[in-house]
PDB file of N, CA and C in Angstrom:
ATOM      1  N   UNK A   1    -186.263 144.173 -92.445  1.00  0.00           N
ATOM      2  CA  UNK A   1    -185.002 144.059 -91.843  1.00  0.00           C
ATOM      3  C   UNK A   1    -184.841 145.087 -90.666  1.00  0.00           C
ATOM      4  N   UNK A   2    -184.535 144.494 -89.533  1.00  0.00           N
ATOM      5  CA  UNK A   2    -184.370 145.353 -88.455  1.00  0.00           C
ATOM      6  C   UNK A   2    -183.054 146.087 -88.215  1.00  0.00           C
ATOM      7  N   UNK A   3    -183.021 147.179 -87.677  1.00  0.00           N
ATOM      8  CA  UNK A   3    -181.749 147.860 -87.558  1.00  0.00           C
ATOM      9  C   UNK A   3    -180.569 147.203 -86.894  1.00  0.00           C
ATOM     10  N   UNK A   4    -180.977 146.367 -85.874  1.00  0.00           N
ATOM     11  CA  UNK A   4    -179.812 145.761 -85.112  1.00  0.00           C
ATOM     12  C   UNK A   4    -179.250 144.569 -85.807  1.00  0.00           C
ATOM     13  N   UNK A   5    -180.009 144.162 -86.831  1.00  0.00           N
ATOM     14  CA  UNK A   5    -179.548 142.836 -87.410  1.00  0.00           C
ATOM     15  C   UNK A   5    -178.396 143.023 -88.329  1.00  0.00           C
ATOM     16  N   UNK A   6    -177.401 142.147 -88.267  1.00  0.00           N
ATOM     17  CA  UNK A   6    -176.293 142.305 -88.989  1.00  0.00           C
ATOM     18  C   UNK A   6    -176.477 141.750 -90.347  1.00  0.00           C
ATOM     19  N   UNK A   7    -176.001 142.452 -91.368  1.00  0.00           N
ATOM     20  CA  UNK A   7    -176.023 141.958 -92.859  1.00  0.00           C
ATOM     21  C   UNK A   7    -174.755 141.350 -93.163  1.00  0.00           C
ATOM     22  N   UNK A   8    -174.659 140.131 -93.668  1.00  0.00           N
ATOM     23  CA  UNK A   8    -173.408 139.556 -94.042  1.00  0.00           C
ATOM     24  C   UNK A   8    -172.908 140.493 -95.189  1.00  0.00           C
ATOM     25  N   UNK A   9    -171.705 141.059 -94.967  1.00  0.00           N
ATOM     26  CA  UNK A   9    -170.930 141.800 -96.083  1.00  0.00           C
ATOM     27  C   UNK A   9    -169.791 141.151 -96.583  1.00  0.00           C
ATOM     28  N   UNK A  10    -169.588 141.404 -97.788  1.00  0.00           N
ATOM     29  CA  UNK A  10    -168.383 140.789 -98.390  1.00  0.00           C
ATOM     30  C   UNK A  10    -167.425 141.991 -98.721  1.00  0.00           C
ATOM     31  N   UNK A  11    -166.171 141.813 -98.622  1.00  0.00           N
ATOM     32  CA  UNK A  11    -165.201 142.691 -99.079  1.00  0.00           C
ATOM     33  C   UNK A  11    -164.700 142.118-100.243  1.00  0.00           C
ATOM     34  N   UNK A  12    -164.661 142.965-101.320  1.00  0.00           N
ATOM     35  CA  UNK A  12    -164.257 142.616-102.642  1.00  0.00           C
ATOM     36  C   UNK A  12    -163.143 143.468-103.085  1.00  0.00           C
ATOM     37  N   UNK A  13    -162.176 142.842-103.751  1.00  0.00           N
ATOM     38  CA  UNK A  13    -160.953 143.612-104.155  1.00  0.00           C
ATOM     39  C   UNK A  13    -160.531 142.842-105.490  1.00  0.00           C
ATOM     40  N   UNK A  14    -160.013 143.771-106.308  1.00  0.00           N
ATOM     41  CA  UNK A  14    -159.612 143.157-107.560  1.00  0.00           C
ATOM     42  C   UNK A  14    -158.011 143.325-107.712  1.00  0.00           C
ATOM     43  N   UNK A  15    -157.474 142.167-107.845  1.00  0.00           N
ATOM     44  CA  UNK A  15    -155.948 142.242-107.890  1.00  0.00           C
ATOM     45  C   UNK A  15    -155.419 141.893-109.307  1.00  0.00           C
ATOM     46  N   UNK A  16    -154.270 142.421-109.532  1.00  0.00           N
ATOM     47  CA  UNK A  16    -153.529 141.971-110.868  1.00  0.00           C
ATOM     48  C   UNK A  16    -152.321 141.286-110.546  1.00  0.00           C
ATOM     49  N   UNK A  17    -152.110 140.142-111.090  1.00  0.00           N
ATOM     50  CA  UNK A  17    -150.949 139.435-110.856  1.00  0.00           C
ATOM     51  C   UNK A  17    -149.773 140.012-111.744  1.00  0.00           C
ATOM     52  N   UNK A  18    -148.603 139.548-111.530  1.00  0.00           N
ATOM     53  CA  UNK A  18    -147.488 140.060-112.348  1.00  0.00           C
ATOM     54  C   UNK A  18    -147.547 139.704-113.865  1.00  0.00           C
ATOM     55  N   UNK A  19    -148.143 138.706-114.206  1.00  0.00           N
ATOM     56  CA  UNK A  19    -148.415 138.270-115.592  1.00  0.00           C
ATOM     57  C   UNK A  19    -149.557 138.969-116.329  1.00  0.00           C
ATOM     58  N   UNK A  20    -150.175 139.785-115.576  1.00  0.00           N
ATOM     59  CA  UNK A  20    -151.336 140.551-116.095  1.00  0.00           C
ATOM     60  C   UNK A  20    -152.660 139.888-115.808  1.00  0.00           C
ATOM     61  N   UNK A  21    -152.713 138.769-115.043  1.00  0.00           N
ATOM     62  CA  UNK A  21    -153.967 138.116-114.905  1.00  0.00           C
ATOM     63  C   UNK A  21    -154.678 138.833-113.701  1.00  0.00           C
ATOM     64  N   UNK A  22    -156.026 139.140-114.046  1.00  0.00           N
ATOM     65  CA  UNK A  22    -156.773 139.872-112.988  1.00  0.00           C
ATOM     66  C   UNK A  22    -157.621 138.764-112.266  1.00  0.00           C
ATOM     67  N   UNK A  23    -157.767 139.098-111.225  1.00  0.00           N
ATOM     68  CA  UNK A  23    -158.801 138.096-110.393  1.00  0.00           C
ATOM     69  C   UNK A  23    -159.377 138.901-109.314  1.00  0.00           C
ATOM     70  N   UNK A  24    -160.590 138.479-108.841  1.00  0.00           N
ATOM     71  CA  UNK A  24    -161.286 139.197-107.848  1.00  0.00           C
ATOM     72  C   UNK A  24    -161.340 138.464-106.546  1.00  0.00           C
ATOM     73  N   UNK A  25    -160.921 139.087-105.525  1.00  0.00           N
ATOM     74  CA  UNK A  25    -160.902 138.456-104.199  1.00  0.00           C
ATOM     75  C   UNK A  25    -162.132 138.875-103.399  1.00  0.00           C
ATOM     76  N   UNK A  26    -162.806 137.870-102.832  1.00  0.00           N
ATOM     77  CA  UNK A  26    -163.970 138.021-102.168  1.00  0.00           C
ATOM     78  C   UNK A  26    -163.864 137.545-100.611  1.00  0.00           C
ATOM     79  N   UNK A  27    -163.704 138.360 -99.702  1.00  0.00           N
ATOM     80  CA  UNK A  27    -163.633 137.935 -98.239  1.00  0.00           C
ATOM     81  C   UNK A  27    -165.035 138.070 -97.620  1.00  0.00           C
ATOM     82  N   UNK A  28    -165.537 137.019 -97.167  1.00  0.00           N
ATOM     83  CA  UNK A  28    -166.764 137.182 -96.401  1.00  0.00           C
ATOM     84  C   UNK A  28    -166.942 136.015 -95.336  1.00  0.00           C
ATOM     85  N   UNK A  29    -167.985 136.262 -94.552  1.00  0.00           N
ATOM     86  CA  UNK A  29    -168.201 135.143 -93.542  1.00  0.00           C
ATOM     87  C   UNK A  29    -168.478 133.793 -94.124  1.00  0.00           C
ATOM     88  N   UNK A  30    -167.990 132.755 -93.536  1.00  0.00           N
ATOM     89  CA  UNK A  30    -168.449 131.360 -94.144  1.00  0.00           C
ATOM     90  C   UNK A  30    -169.806 131.152 -94.183  1.00  0.00           C
ATOM     91  N   UNK A  31    -170.284 130.583 -95.288  1.00  0.00           N
ATOM     92  CA  UNK A  31    -171.675 130.335 -95.224  1.00  0.00           C
ATOM     93  C   UNK A  31    -172.014 129.000 -94.638  1.00  0.00           C
ATOM     94  N   UNK A  32    -173.262 128.818 -94.191  1.00  0.00           N
ATOM     95  CA  UNK A  32    -173.608 127.557 -93.613  1.00  0.00           C
ATOM     96  C   UNK A  32    -174.377 126.599 -94.498  1.00  0.00           C
ATOM     97  N   UNK A  33    -173.990 126.560 -95.841  1.00  0.00           N
ATOM     98  CA  UNK A  33    -174.736 125.877 -96.819  1.00  0.00           C
ATOM     99  C   UNK A  33    -173.911 124.566 -96.961  1.00  0.00           C
ATOM    100  N   UNK A  34    -174.060 123.641 -95.869  1.00  0.00           N
ATOM    101  CA  UNK A  34    -173.494 122.402 -96.073  1.00  0.00           C
ATOM    102  C   UNK A  34    -174.254 121.651 -97.093  1.00  0.00           C
ATOM    103  N   UNK A  35    -173.458 120.780 -97.831  1.00  0.00           N
ATOM    104  CA  UNK A  35    -174.208 119.918 -98.782  1.00  0.00           C
ATOM    105  C   UNK A  35    -175.141 118.884 -98.076  1.00  0.00           C
ATOM    106  N   UNK A  36    -176.104 118.479 -98.692  1.00  0.00           N
ATOM    107  CA  UNK A  36    -177.030 117.472 -97.966  1.00  0.00           C
ATOM    108  C   UNK A  36    -176.228 116.216 -97.829  1.00  0.00           C
ATOM    109  N   UNK A  37    -176.271 115.604 -96.669  1.00  0.00           N
ATOM    110  CA  UNK A  37    -175.603 114.319 -96.495  1.00  0.00           C
ATOM    111  C   UNK A  37    -176.287 113.165 -97.180  1.00  0.00           C
ATOM    112  N   UNK A  38    -175.408 112.485 -97.814  1.00  0.00           N
ATOM    113  CA  UNK A  38    -176.020 111.211 -98.498  1.00  0.00           C
ATOM    114  C   UNK A  38    -176.385 110.129 -97.552  1.00  0.00           C
ATOM    115  N   UNK A  39    -177.311 109.396 -97.898  1.00  0.00           N
ATOM    116  CA  UNK A  39    -177.700 108.283 -97.041  1.00  0.00           C
ATOM    117  C   UNK A  39    -176.564 107.293 -97.116  1.00  0.00           C
ATOM    118  N   UNK A  40    -175.965 107.068 -96.015  1.00  0.00           N
ATOM    119  CA  UNK A  40    -174.741 106.160 -96.006  1.00  0.00           C
ATOM    120  C   UNK A  40    -175.331 104.736 -95.850  1.00  0.00           C
ATOM    121  N   UNK A  41    -175.040 103.890 -96.887  1.00  0.00           N
ATOM    122  CA  UNK A  41    -175.356 102.539 -96.708  1.00  0.00           C
ATOM    123  C   UNK A  41    -174.224 101.791 -96.072  1.00  0.00           C
ATOM    124  N   UNK A  42    -174.423 101.317 -94.915  1.00  0.00           N
ATOM    125  CA  UNK A  42    -173.275 100.574 -94.301  1.00  0.00           C
ATOM    126  C   UNK A  42    -173.772  99.287 -93.853  1.00  0.00           C
ATOM    127  N   UNK A  43    -172.925  98.286 -94.181  1.00  0.00           N
ATOM    128  CA  UNK A  43    -173.364  96.921 -93.671  1.00  0.00           C
ATOM    129  C   UNK A  43    -172.818  96.791 -92.140  1.00  0.00           C
ATOM    130  N   UNK A  44    -173.717  96.046 -91.489  1.00  0.00           N
ATOM    131  CA  UNK A  44    -173.339  95.937 -90.089  1.00  0.00           C
ATOM    132  C   UNK A  44    -171.881  95.414 -90.011  1.00  0.00           C
ATOM    133  N   UNK A  45    -171.235  95.652 -88.931  1.00  0.00           N
ATOM    134  CA  UNK A  45    -169.858  95.180 -88.843  1.00  0.00           C
ATOM    135  C   UNK A  45    -169.925  93.651 -88.649  1.00  0.00           C
ATOM    136  N   UNK A  46    -169.092  92.984 -89.416  1.00  0.00           N
ATOM    137  CA  UNK A  46    -168.928  91.462 -89.471  1.00  0.00           C
ATOM    138  C   UNK A  46    -168.233  91.023 -88.204  1.00  0.00           C
ATOM    139  N   UNK A  47    -168.578  90.183 -87.469  1.00  0.00           N
ATOM    140  CA  UNK A  47    -167.752  89.615 -86.370  1.00  0.00           C
ATOM    141  C   UNK A  47    -167.488  88.351 -86.903  1.00  0.00           C
ATOM    142  N   UNK A  48    -165.994  88.067 -86.779  1.00  0.00           N
ATOM    143  CA  UNK A  48    -165.482  86.885 -87.284  1.00  0.00           C
ATOM    144  C   UNK A  48    -165.307  85.948 -86.006  1.00  0.00           C
ATOM    145  N   UNK A  49    -165.473  84.784 -86.200  1.00  0.00           N
ATOM    146  CA  UNK A  49    -165.160  83.714 -84.997  1.00  0.00           C
ATOM    147  C   UNK A  49    -163.861  83.420 -85.270  1.00  0.00           C
ATOM    148  N   UNK A  50    -163.299  82.797 -84.084  1.00  0.00           N
ATOM    149  CA  UNK A  50    -161.946  82.381 -83.973  1.00  0.00           C
ATOM    150  C   UNK A  50    -161.508  81.302 -85.168  1.00  0.00           C
ATOM    151  N   UNK A  51    -162.515  80.387 -85.322  1.00  0.00           N
ATOM    152  CA  UNK A  51    -162.400  79.406 -86.523  1.00  0.00           C
ATOM    153  C   UNK A  51    -162.151  80.075 -87.844  1.00  0.00           C
ATOM    154  N   UNK A  52    -162.890  81.205 -88.071  1.00  0.00           N
ATOM    155  CA  UNK A  52    -162.725  81.877 -89.425  1.00  0.00           C
ATOM    156  C   UNK A  52    -161.369  82.477 -89.541  1.00  0.00           C
ATOM    157  N   UNK A  53    -160.975  83.186 -88.410  1.00  0.00           N
ATOM    158  CA  UNK A  53    -159.540  83.781 -88.425  1.00  0.00           C
ATOM    159  C   UNK A  53    -158.612  82.704 -88.560  1.00  0.00           C
ATOM    160  N   UNK A  54    -158.614  81.623 -88.001  1.00  0.00           N
ATOM    161  CA  UNK A  54    -157.667  80.591 -88.067  1.00  0.00           C
ATOM    162  C   UNK A  54    -157.682  80.011 -89.609  1.00  0.00           C
ATOM    163  N   UNK A  55    -158.894  79.967 -90.046  1.00  0.00           N
ATOM    164  CA  UNK A  55    -158.989  79.419 -91.525  1.00  0.00           C
ATOM    165  C   UNK A  55    -158.216  80.402 -92.575  1.00  0.00           C
ATOM    166  N   UNK A  56    -158.414  81.722 -92.245  1.00  0.00           N
ATOM    167  CA  UNK A  56    -157.913  82.695 -93.114  1.00  0.00           C
ATOM    168  C   UNK A  56    -156.390  82.580 -92.944  1.00  0.00           C
ATOM    169  N   UNK A  57    -155.865  82.475 -91.693  1.00  0.00           N
ATOM    170  CA  UNK A  57    -154.366  82.560 -91.535  1.00  0.00           C
ATOM    171  C   UNK A  57    -153.743  81.202 -92.094  1.00  0.00           C
ATOM    172  N   UNK A  58    -154.544  80.062 -91.974  1.00  0.00           N
ATOM    173  CA  UNK A  58    -153.999  78.922 -92.607  1.00  0.00           C
ATOM    174  C   UNK A  58    -153.930  79.103 -94.176  1.00  0.00           C
ATOM    175  N   UNK A  59    -154.997  79.736 -94.778  1.00  0.00           N
ATOM    176  CA  UNK A  59    -155.046  79.731 -96.229  1.00  0.00           C
ATOM    177  C   UNK A  59    -153.929  80.653 -96.698  1.00  0.00           C
ATOM    178  N   UNK A  60    -153.557  81.853 -95.878  1.00  0.00           N
ATOM    179  CA  UNK A  60    -152.425  82.631 -96.208  1.00  0.00           C
ATOM    180  C   UNK A  60    -151.168  82.026 -96.228  1.00  0.00           C
ATOM    181  N   UNK A  61    -150.872  81.234 -95.085  1.00  0.00           N
ATOM    182  CA  UNK A  61    -149.701  80.408 -95.033  1.00  0.00           C
ATOM    183  C   UNK A  61    -149.503  79.436 -96.214  1.00  0.00           C
ATOM    184  N   UNK A  62    -150.534  78.773 -96.588  1.00  0.00           N
ATOM    185  CA  UNK A  62    -150.544  77.830 -97.714  1.00  0.00           C
ATOM    186  C   UNK A  62    -150.026  78.733 -99.059  1.00  0.00           C
ATOM    187  N   UNK A  63    -150.697  79.791 -99.093  1.00  0.00           N
ATOM    188  CA  UNK A  63    -150.396  80.590-100.455  1.00  0.00           C
ATOM    189  C   UNK A  63    -148.875  81.102-100.327  1.00  0.00           C
ATOM    190  N   UNK A  64    -148.354  81.338 -99.052  1.00  0.00           N
ATOM    191  CA  UNK A  64    -146.949  81.798 -98.923  1.00  0.00           C
ATOM    192  C   UNK A  64    -146.078  80.515 -99.324  1.00  0.00           C
ATOM    193  N   UNK A  65    -146.487  79.146 -98.864  1.00  0.00           N
ATOM    194  CA  UNK A  65    -145.708  78.130 -99.108  1.00  0.00           C
ATOM    195  C   UNK A  65    -145.644  77.739-100.624  1.00  0.00           C
ATOM    196  N   UNK A  66    -146.740  77.880-101.215  1.00  0.00           N
ATOM    197  CA  UNK A  66    -146.883  77.612-102.723  1.00  0.00           C
ATOM    198  C   UNK A  66    -146.053  78.670-103.553  1.00  0.00           C
ATOM    199  N   UNK A  67    -146.122  79.898-103.114  1.00  0.00           N
ATOM    200  CA  UNK A  67    -145.289  80.871-103.678  1.00  0.00           C
ATOM    201  C   UNK A  67    -143.774  80.609-103.599  1.00  0.00           C
ATOM    202  N   UNK A  68    -143.401  80.267-102.437  1.00  0.00           N
ATOM    203  CA  UNK A  68    -141.964  79.885-102.158  1.00  0.00           C
ATOM    204  C   UNK A  68    -141.557  78.702-102.931  1.00  0.00           C
ATOM    205  N   UNK A  69    -142.384  77.649-103.078  1.00  0.00           N
ATOM    206  CA  UNK A  69    -142.099  76.484-103.786  1.00  0.00           C
ATOM    207  C   UNK A  69    -141.914  76.777-105.269  1.00  0.00           C
ATOM    208  N   UNK A  70    -142.860  77.626-105.791  1.00  0.00           N
ATOM    209  CA  UNK A  70    -142.766  77.932-107.157  1.00  0.00           C
ATOM    210  C   UNK A  70    -141.439  78.755-107.439  1.00  0.00           C
ATOM    211  N   UNK A  71    -141.032  79.651-106.637  1.00  0.00           N
ATOM    212  CA  UNK A  71    -139.763  80.400-106.792  1.00  0.00           C
ATOM    213  C   UNK A  71    -138.663  79.568-106.759  1.00  0.00           C
ATOM    214  N   UNK A  72    -138.650  78.626-105.858  1.00  0.00           N
ATOM    215  CA  UNK A  72    -137.473  77.737-105.779  1.00  0.00           C
ATOM    216  C   UNK A  72    -137.447  76.811-106.996  1.00  0.00           C
ATOM    217  N   UNK A  73    -138.558  76.387-107.524  1.00  0.00           N
ATOM    218  CA  UNK A  73    -138.573  75.465-108.650  1.00  0.00           C
ATOM    219  C   UNK A  73    -138.124  76.239-109.788  1.00  0.00           C
ATOM    220  N   UNK A  74    -138.527  77.567-110.077  1.00  0.00           N
ATOM    221  CA  UNK A  74    -137.972  78.456-111.196  1.00  0.00           C
ATOM    222  C   UNK A  74    -136.466  78.436-111.035  1.00  0.00           C
ATOM    223  N   UNK A  75    -135.961  78.688-109.864  1.00  0.00           N
ATOM    224  CA  UNK A  75    -134.591  78.953-109.659  1.00  0.00           C
ATOM    225  C   UNK A  75    -133.929  77.602-110.113  1.00  0.00           C
ATOM    226  N   UNK A  76    -134.420  76.483-109.685  1.00  0.00           N
ATOM    227  CA  UNK A  76    -133.725  75.280-110.084  1.00  0.00           C
ATOM    228  C   UNK A  76    -133.611  75.041-111.589  1.00  0.00           C
ATOM    229  N   UNK A  77    -134.756  75.353-112.194  1.00  0.00           N
ATOM    230  CA  UNK A  77    -134.843  75.208-113.667  1.00  0.00           C
ATOM    231  C   UNK A  77    -133.840  76.237-114.331  1.00  0.00           C
ATOM    232  N   UNK A  78    -133.794  77.346-113.964  1.00  0.00           N
ATOM    233  CA  UNK A  78    -132.864  78.401-114.430  1.00  0.00           C
ATOM    234  C   UNK A  78    -131.402  78.070-114.256  1.00  0.00           C
ATOM    235  N   UNK A  79    -131.100  77.543-113.056  1.00  0.00           N
ATOM    236  CA  UNK A  79    -129.780  77.173-112.732  1.00  0.00           C
ATOM    237  C   UNK A  79    -129.292  75.948-113.655  1.00  0.00           C
ATOM    238  N   UNK A  80    -130.300  75.095-113.864  1.00  0.00           N
ATOM    239  CA  UNK A  80    -130.040  73.854-114.805  1.00  0.00           C
ATOM    240  C   UNK A  80    -129.845  74.471-116.114  1.00  0.00           C
ATOM    241  N   UNK A  81    -130.460  75.442-116.627  1.00  0.00           N
ATOM    242  CA  UNK A  81    -130.413  76.035-118.016  1.00  0.00           C
ATOM    243  C   UNK A  81    -129.018  76.612-118.006  1.00  0.00           C
ATOM    244  N   UNK A  82    -128.509  77.381-117.060  1.00  0.00           N
ATOM    245  CA  UNK A  82    -127.269  78.041-117.040  1.00  0.00           C
ATOM    246  C   UNK A  82    -126.193  76.946-116.985  1.00  0.00           C
ATOM    247  N   UNK A  83    -126.314  75.918-116.383  1.00  0.00           N
ATOM    248  CA  UNK A  83    -125.343  74.807-116.325  1.00  0.00           C
ATOM    249  C   UNK A  83    -125.267  74.172-117.737  1.00  0.00           C
ATOM    250  N   UNK A  84    -126.430  73.887-118.409  1.00  0.00           N
ATOM    251  CA  UNK A  84    -126.423  73.421-119.773  1.00  0.00           C
ATOM    252  C   UNK A  84    -125.756  74.290-120.735  1.00  0.00           C
ATOM    253  N   UNK A  85    -125.991  75.594-120.661  1.00  0.00           N
ATOM    254  CA  UNK A  85    -125.306  76.577-121.576  1.00  0.00           C
ATOM    255  C   UNK A  85    -123.875  76.518-121.256  1.00  0.00           C
ATOM    256  N   UNK A  86    -123.449  76.396-120.065  1.00  0.00           N
ATOM    257  CA  UNK A  86    -121.990  76.377-119.665  1.00  0.00           C
ATOM    258  C   UNK A  86    -121.398  75.354-120.294  1.00  0.00           C
ATOM    259  N   UNK A  87    -122.089  74.043-120.146  1.00  0.00           N
ATOM    260  CA  UNK A  87    -121.419  72.815-120.654  1.00  0.00           C
ATOM    261  C   UNK A  87    -121.354  72.957-122.175  1.00  0.00           C
ATOM    262  N   UNK A  88    -122.308  73.460-122.948  1.00  0.00           N
ATOM    263  CA  UNK A  88    -122.419  73.501-124.392  1.00  0.00           C
ATOM    264  C   UNK A  88    -121.456  74.579-124.898  1.00  0.00           C
ATOM    265  N   UNK A  89    -121.295  75.746-124.328  1.00  0.00           N
ATOM    266  CA  UNK A  89    -120.396  76.731-124.684  1.00  0.00           C
ATOM    267  C   UNK A  89    -119.396  77.022-123.567  1.00  0.00           C
ATOM    268  N   UNK A  90    -118.811  76.159-122.998  1.00  0.00           N
ATOM    269  CA  UNK A  90    -118.052  76.273-121.792  1.00  0.00           C
ATOM    270  C   UNK A  90    -116.667  77.062-122.300  1.00  0.00           C
ATOM    271  N   UNK A  91    -116.254  76.942-123.357  1.00  0.00           N
ATOM    272  CA  UNK A  91    -115.089  77.508-123.831  1.00  0.00           C
ATOM    273  C   UNK A  91    -115.285  79.063-124.075  1.00  0.00           C
ATOM    274  N   UNK A  92    -116.543  79.295-124.014  1.00  0.00           N
ATOM    275  CA  UNK A  92    -116.919  80.852-124.392  1.00  0.00           C
ATOM    276  C   UNK A  92    -117.335  81.557-123.113  1.00  0.00           C
ATOM    277  N   UNK A  93    -117.874  80.747-122.139  1.00  0.00           N
ATOM    278  CA  UNK A  93    -118.351  81.331-120.912  1.00  0.00           C
ATOM    279  C   UNK A  93    -117.305  81.210-119.729  1.00  0.00           C
ATOM    280  N   UNK A  94    -116.773  82.268-119.226  1.00  0.00           N
ATOM    281  CA  UNK A  94    -115.951  81.989-118.173  1.00  0.00           C
ATOM    282  C   UNK A  94    -116.694  81.650-116.826  1.00  0.00           C
ATOM    283  N   UNK A  95    -115.902  81.007-115.887  1.00  0.00           N
ATOM    284  CA  UNK A  95    -116.473  80.658-114.674  1.00  0.00           C
ATOM    285  C   UNK A  95    -117.110  81.731-113.860  1.00  0.00           C
ATOM    286  N   UNK A  96    -116.372  82.933-113.851  1.00  0.00           N
ATOM    287  CA  UNK A  96    -117.035  84.078-113.118  1.00  0.00           C
ATOM    288  C   UNK A  96    -118.388  84.533-113.612  1.00  0.00           C
ATOM    289  N   UNK A  97    -118.544  84.388-114.939  1.00  0.00           N
ATOM    290  CA  UNK A  97    -119.698  84.875-115.688  1.00  0.00           C
ATOM    291  C   UNK A  97    -120.842  83.836-115.222  1.00  0.00           C
ATOM    292  N   UNK A  98    -120.585  82.545-115.120  1.00  0.00           N
ATOM    293  CA  UNK A  98    -121.433  81.657-114.587  1.00  0.00           C
ATOM    294  C   UNK A  98    -121.848  81.985-113.142  1.00  0.00           C
ATOM    295  N   UNK A  99    -121.031  82.332-112.223  1.00  0.00           N
ATOM    296  CA  UNK A  99    -121.336  82.775-110.982  1.00  0.00           C
ATOM    297  C   UNK A  99    -122.129  84.028-110.882  1.00  0.00           C
ATOM    298  N   UNK A 100    -121.877  84.988-111.854  1.00  0.00           N
ATOM    299  CA  UNK A 100    -122.735  86.130-111.849  1.00  0.00           C
ATOM    300  C   UNK A 100    -124.089  85.732-112.282  1.00  0.00           C
ATOM    301  N   UNK A 101    -124.364  84.878-113.199  1.00  0.00           N
ATOM    302  CA  UNK A 101    -125.701  84.463-113.761  1.00  0.00           C
ATOM    303  C   UNK A 101    -126.408  83.877-112.580  1.00  0.00           C
ATOM    304  N   UNK A 102    -125.780  82.999-111.766  1.00  0.00           N
ATOM    305  CA  UNK A 102    -126.343  82.364-110.620  1.00  0.00           C
ATOM    306  C   UNK A 102    -126.654  83.333-109.514  1.00  0.00           C
ATOM    307  N   UNK A 103    -125.848  84.218-109.307  1.00  0.00           N
ATOM    308  CA  UNK A 103    -126.189  85.238-108.326  1.00  0.00           C
ATOM    309  C   UNK A 103    -127.277  86.183-108.692  1.00  0.00           C
ATOM    310  N   UNK A 104    -127.358  86.424-109.957  1.00  0.00           N
ATOM    311  CA  UNK A 104    -128.547  87.222-110.446  1.00  0.00           C
ATOM    312  C   UNK A 104    -129.837  86.615-110.412  1.00  0.00           C
ATOM    313  N   UNK A 105    -129.713  85.304-110.624  1.00  0.00           N
ATOM    314  CA  UNK A 105    -130.981  84.386-110.429  1.00  0.00           C
ATOM    315  C   UNK A 105    -131.397  84.494-109.079  1.00  0.00           C
ATOM    316  N   UNK A 106    -130.504  84.289-108.060  1.00  0.00           N
ATOM    317  CA  UNK A 106    -130.746  84.261-106.639  1.00  0.00           C
ATOM    318  C   UNK A 106    -131.257  85.577-106.199  1.00  0.00           C
ATOM    319  N   UNK A 107    -130.918  86.765-106.753  1.00  0.00           N
ATOM    320  CA  UNK A 107    -131.274  88.049-106.203  1.00  0.00           C
ATOM    321  C   UNK A 107    -132.595  88.229-106.879  1.00  0.00           C
ATOM    322  N   UNK A 108    -132.870  87.867-108.157  1.00  0.00           N
ATOM    323  CA  UNK A 108    -134.192  88.117-108.804  1.00  0.00           C
ATOM    324  C   UNK A 108    -135.174  87.223-108.121  1.00  0.00           C
ATOM    325  N   UNK A 109    -134.909  86.154-107.561  1.00  0.00           N
ATOM    326  CA  UNK A 109    -135.941  85.313-107.076  1.00  0.00           C
ATOM    327  C   UNK A 109    -135.966  85.410-105.422  1.00  0.00           C
ATOM    328  N   UNK A 110    -135.145  86.303-104.881  1.00  0.00           N
ATOM    329  CA  UNK A 110    -135.022  86.550-103.445  1.00  0.00           C
ATOM    330  C   UNK A 110    -134.673  85.290-102.683  1.00  0.00           C
ATOM    331  N   UNK A 111    -133.917  84.400-103.257  1.00  0.00           N
ATOM    332  CA  UNK A 111    -133.206  83.235-102.576  1.00  0.00           C
ATOM    333  C   UNK A 111    -131.848  83.528-102.181  1.00  0.00           C
ATOM    334  N   UNK A 112    -131.545  83.426-100.927  1.00  0.00           N
ATOM    335  CA  UNK A 112    -130.168  83.660-100.567  1.00  0.00           C
ATOM    336  C   UNK A 112    -129.672  82.461 -99.889  1.00  0.00           C
TER     337      UNK A 112
END
């Protein structure tokens, strides 16, 4: 080792926390030991044609339409069930409770 060469030095200090836990603090220059880079396996970027994008958009729209249809169908079935219950037990269920049931069905299915 030459005289002018700097030797990495570390400053060490022992500290005690309030709870009695002791720890050692080491201050030193950052080391340059980077972990080896993993070989990144990347697929080449896929370029989509206009037709492929349009097909994907059309498929997404069809999924939304089917989902909306199902929600509306479930709402109609539940509303019919509420109406049947009201007819069968009309003397027990007040009109405002029927409205509350229907409103809760609408809010549950996000139909306004």
